[in-house]
């Protein structure tokens, strides 16, 4: 099995971490799978929650690195981010999609569906399938309930613009496992692999 990631693995620019996480394994209380899609955000980025500085809602995203930043999207879904860079900077990686490999029956029960392609194909679905909740906000990623294992490097990574934002829409900080059936949305043909 791959090596567990520690805080130092997240103490880099968010777009570097977001790319490196493709093919990594994410487990929450033993349930999860391979990360197949991420998005990077940074404080200098107008699409980031940290762009206007610290608030009670986004405080966890200001570090230290290797922590969870959990927020509610559209008042419905809990979304999971991995905090990056040095403490005080305000950067992170949104975990957008997984290929389920561990605890599929649990995920199916939580999501109320059978199709494994739809269990974790989007940050809200992933949050529900892994039982992400606000109580996890600020928790270390190298401690229970989390377990994050490094990628073996076999994934071919494709890069393109992020999804569902209205600012900095052309920044190519969405990363995915090329050809994965588990992405939240396919990448465009003009997006870059490598």
Protein backbone atom coordinates (compact mmCIF):
# COMPACT_ATOMS: atom_id res chain seq x y z
CA UNK A 1 0.00 0.00 0.00
CA UNK A 2 1.14 3.57 -0.71
CA UNK A 3 2.60 5.80 1.96
CA UNK A 4 0.28 7.97 4.06
CA UNK A 5 0.43 11.68 3.26
CA UNK A 6 1.44 14.04 6.07
CA UNK A 7 1.21 17.81 6.57
CA UNK A 8 4.47 18.46 4.68
CA UNK A 9 2.94 16.92 1.54
CA UNK A 10 0.36 19.72 1.51
CA UNK A 11 2.80 22.57 2.19
CA UNK A 12 3.00 23.50 -1.51
CA UNK A 13 1.05 25.60 -3.99
CA UNK A 14 -2.50 24.31 -4.27
CA UNK A 15 -2.28 23.60 -8.00
CA UNK A 16 0.81 21.42 -7.40
CA UNK A 17 -0.98 19.49 -4.64
CA UNK A 18 -4.18 19.20 -6.71
CA UNK A 19 -2.28 17.51 -9.56
CA UNK A 20 -0.34 15.23 -7.19
CA UNK A 21 -3.57 14.04 -5.54
CA UNK A 22 -4.91 12.47 -8.74
CA UNK A 23 -4.62 8.73 -8.10
CA UNK A 24 -4.21 9.15 -4.33
CA UNK A 25 -6.52 7.18 -2.04
CA UNK A 26 -8.92 9.00 0.28
CA UNK A 27 -10.69 7.08 3.03
CA UNK A 28 -13.01 8.45 5.71
CA UNK A 29 -13.63 5.85 8.41
CA UNK A 30 -12.48 3.24 5.87
CA UNK A 31 -14.90 4.34 3.13
CA UNK A 32 -13.66 5.98 -0.08
CA UNK A 33 -11.52 5.39 -3.12
CA UNK A 34 -9.11 6.85 -5.66
CA UNK A 35 -9.16 10.60 -6.18
CA UNK A 36 -9.93 11.21 -9.87
CA UNK A 37 -10.77 14.93 -9.89
CA UNK A 38 -9.62 18.00 -7.94
CA UNK A 39 -9.67 21.79 -8.17
CA UNK A 40 -7.09 24.19 -6.76
CA UNK A 41 -7.83 27.52 -5.06
CA UNK A 42 -5.49 30.20 -3.73
CA UNK A 43 -5.95 33.43 -1.77
CA UNK A 44 -4.86 35.51 -4.81
CA UNK A 45 -7.63 33.80 -6.80
CA UNK A 46 -10.96 35.70 -6.89
CA UNK A 47 -12.84 32.35 -7.06
CA UNK A 48 -11.38 31.24 -3.71
CA UNK A 49 -13.26 31.41 -0.41
CA UNK A 50 -10.11 33.02 1.06
CA UNK A 51 -9.83 35.87 -1.47
CA UNK A 52 -11.27 38.49 0.92
CA UNK A 53 -9.35 37.24 3.96
CA UNK A 54 -10.18 35.15 7.02
CA UNK A 55 -13.75 34.77 8.25
CA UNK A 56 -15.32 32.36 10.75
CA UNK A 57 -16.49 30.23 7.79
CA UNK A 58 -13.13 29.92 5.99
CA UNK A 59 -10.70 30.05 8.94
CA UNK A 60 -9.63 26.40 8.54
CA UNK A 61 -8.44 27.10 4.99
CA UNK A 62 -5.78 29.43 6.39
CA UNK A 63 -3.94 26.46 7.78
CA UNK A 64 -1.93 24.82 8.93
CA UNK A 65 -1.52 22.61 5.84
CA UNK A 66 -2.75 19.03 5.83
CA UNK A 67 -6.11 19.86 7.42
CA UNK A 68 -9.68 19.53 6.19
CA UNK A 69 -11.69 22.57 5.18
CA UNK A 70 -15.38 21.61 5.10
CA UNK A 71 -18.09 23.97 3.91
CA UNK A 72 -21.73 23.70 2.88
CA UNK A 73 -22.47 24.30 -0.80
CA UNK A 74 -25.79 25.85 -1.79
CA UNK A 75 -27.03 25.17 1.75
CA UNK A 76 -27.31 21.46 0.94
CA UNK A 77 -24.03 19.53 0.53
CA UNK A 78 -20.88 19.36 2.65
CA UNK A 79 -17.76 19.69 0.49
CA UNK A 80 -14.25 18.54 1.43
CA UNK A 81 -11.07 20.50 0.74
CA UNK A 82 -7.46 19.81 1.69
CA UNK A 83 -5.65 22.87 3.09
CA UNK A 84 -2.35 23.76 1.37
CA UNK A 85 0.60 26.13 1.79
CA UNK A 86 1.95 27.61 4.98
CA UNK A 87 -0.29 28.60 7.86
CA UNK A 88 -1.94 31.96 7.19
CA UNK A 89 -1.79 31.80 3.39
CA UNK A 90 -5.31 30.58 2.54
CA UNK A 91 -5.14 27.90 -0.17
CA UNK A 92 -6.71 24.51 -0.71
CA UNK A 93 -7.80 21.72 -3.00
CA UNK A 94 -11.45 20.80 -3.49
CA UNK A 95 -11.88 17.04 -3.81
CA UNK A 96 -14.36 16.82 -6.70
CA UNK A 97 -14.63 13.09 -7.45
CA UNK A 98 -13.52 9.61 -6.43
CA UNK A 99 -13.52 6.21 -8.03
CA UNK A 100 -15.15 4.20 -5.21
CA UNK A 101 -13.03 1.26 -4.04
CA UNK A 102 -13.74 0.84 -0.29
CA UNK A 103 -17.15 0.52 1.38
CA UNK A 104 -19.32 0.58 -1.75
CA UNK A 105 -22.31 -0.88 0.09
CA UNK A 106 -22.06 1.86 2.72
CA UNK A 107 -21.84 4.54 0.01
CA UNK A 108 -24.79 3.05 -1.86
CA UNK A 109 -26.89 3.15 1.30
CA UNK A 110 -25.89 6.75 2.08
CA UNK A 111 -26.58 7.90 -1.48
CA UNK A 112 -29.66 5.74 -2.08
CA UNK A 113 -28.50 4.46 -5.46
CA UNK A 114 -26.64 1.53 -6.98
CA UNK A 115 -24.64 3.02 -9.90
CA UNK A 116 -21.08 3.25 -8.59
CA UNK A 117 -20.24 5.90 -11.22
CA UNK A 118 -22.63 8.31 -9.50
CA UNK A 119 -21.64 7.65 -5.89
CA UNK A 120 -18.79 10.19 -5.70
CA UNK A 121 -18.91 12.04 -9.05
CA UNK A 122 -19.07 15.60 -7.75
CA UNK A 123 -18.16 17.29 -4.48
CA UNK A 124 -21.68 17.15 -3.02
CA UNK A 125 -22.17 13.49 -3.92
CA UNK A 126 -18.72 12.68 -2.55
CA UNK A 127 -19.54 14.50 0.68
CA UNK A 128 -22.73 12.50 1.13
CA UNK A 129 -21.12 9.17 0.20
CA UNK A 130 -18.27 9.68 2.69
CA UNK A 131 -20.51 11.19 5.40
CA UNK A 132 -18.55 14.44 5.42
CA UNK A 133 -19.86 16.84 8.06
CA UNK A 134 -18.93 20.23 9.43
CA UNK A 135 -17.54 18.65 12.60
CA UNK A 136 -14.58 17.49 10.44
CA UNK A 137 -13.63 21.08 9.60
CA UNK A 138 -10.04 21.75 10.71
CA UNK A 139 -9.25 18.07 11.39
CA UNK A 140 -5.84 16.71 10.44
CA UNK A 141 -5.81 14.59 7.30
CA UNK A 142 -3.22 12.22 8.80
CA UNK A 143 -5.51 11.25 11.70
CA UNK A 144 -8.82 9.39 11.98
CA UNK A 145 -11.37 9.57 10.49
CA UNK A 146 -9.17 10.47 7.48
CA UNK A 147 -6.59 8.37 5.70
CA UNK A 148 -4.92 9.78 2.58
CA UNK A 149 -2.40 7.62 0.73
CA UNK A 150 -0.04 8.89 -1.99
CA UNK A 151 -0.69 8.16 -5.65
CA UNK A 152 1.46 5.52 -7.29
CA UNK A 153 2.03 7.94 -10.18
CA UNK A 154 0.26 5.83 -12.80
CA UNK A 155 -2.57 8.29 -13.52
CA UNK A 156 -2.44 10.36 -16.70
CA UNK A 157 -3.57 13.80 -15.55
CA UNK A 158 -5.63 16.17 -17.68
CA UNK A 159 -5.98 19.87 -16.84
CA UNK A 160 -8.71 22.37 -17.64
CA UNK A 161 -10.82 25.23 -16.26
CA UNK A 162 -12.72 24.81 -13.00
CA UNK A 163 -16.47 24.14 -12.89
CA UNK A 164 -19.37 26.10 -11.44
CA UNK A 165 -17.58 29.37 -10.70
CA UNK A 166 -18.19 32.87 -12.04
CA UNK A 167 -14.74 34.42 -11.41
CA UNK A 168 -11.36 33.38 -12.83
CA UNK A 169 -13.24 30.93 -15.05
CA UNK A 170 -10.33 30.33 -17.43
CA UNK A 171 -7.74 29.42 -14.79
CA UNK A 172 -6.73 25.80 -15.65
CA UNK A 173 -6.78 24.51 -12.08
CA UNK A 174 -9.14 21.57 -12.51
CA UNK A 175 -7.25 18.27 -12.61
CA UNK A 176 -8.55 14.84 -13.52
CA UNK A 177 -7.58 11.28 -14.30
CA UNK A 178 -7.74 11.15 -18.10
CA UNK A 179 -10.53 8.89 -19.32
CA UNK A 180 -11.97 8.15 -15.87
CA UNK A 181 -15.65 7.12 -15.84
CA UNK A 182 -16.00 8.68 -12.37
CA UNK A 183 -15.42 12.38 -13.15
CA UNK A 184 -18.11 14.89 -12.22
CA UNK A 185 -18.02 16.18 -15.81
CA UNK A 186 -15.89 15.17 -18.78
CA UNK A 187 -12.96 17.37 -19.70
CA UNK A 188 -13.14 19.23 -23.02
CA UNK A 189 -11.14 17.91 -25.95
CA UNK A 190 -8.92 21.00 -25.89
CA UNK A 191 -7.96 20.46 -22.22
CA UNK A 192 -4.34 19.45 -21.71
CA UNK A 193 -2.97 16.05 -20.64
CA UNK A 194 0.46 15.68 -19.15
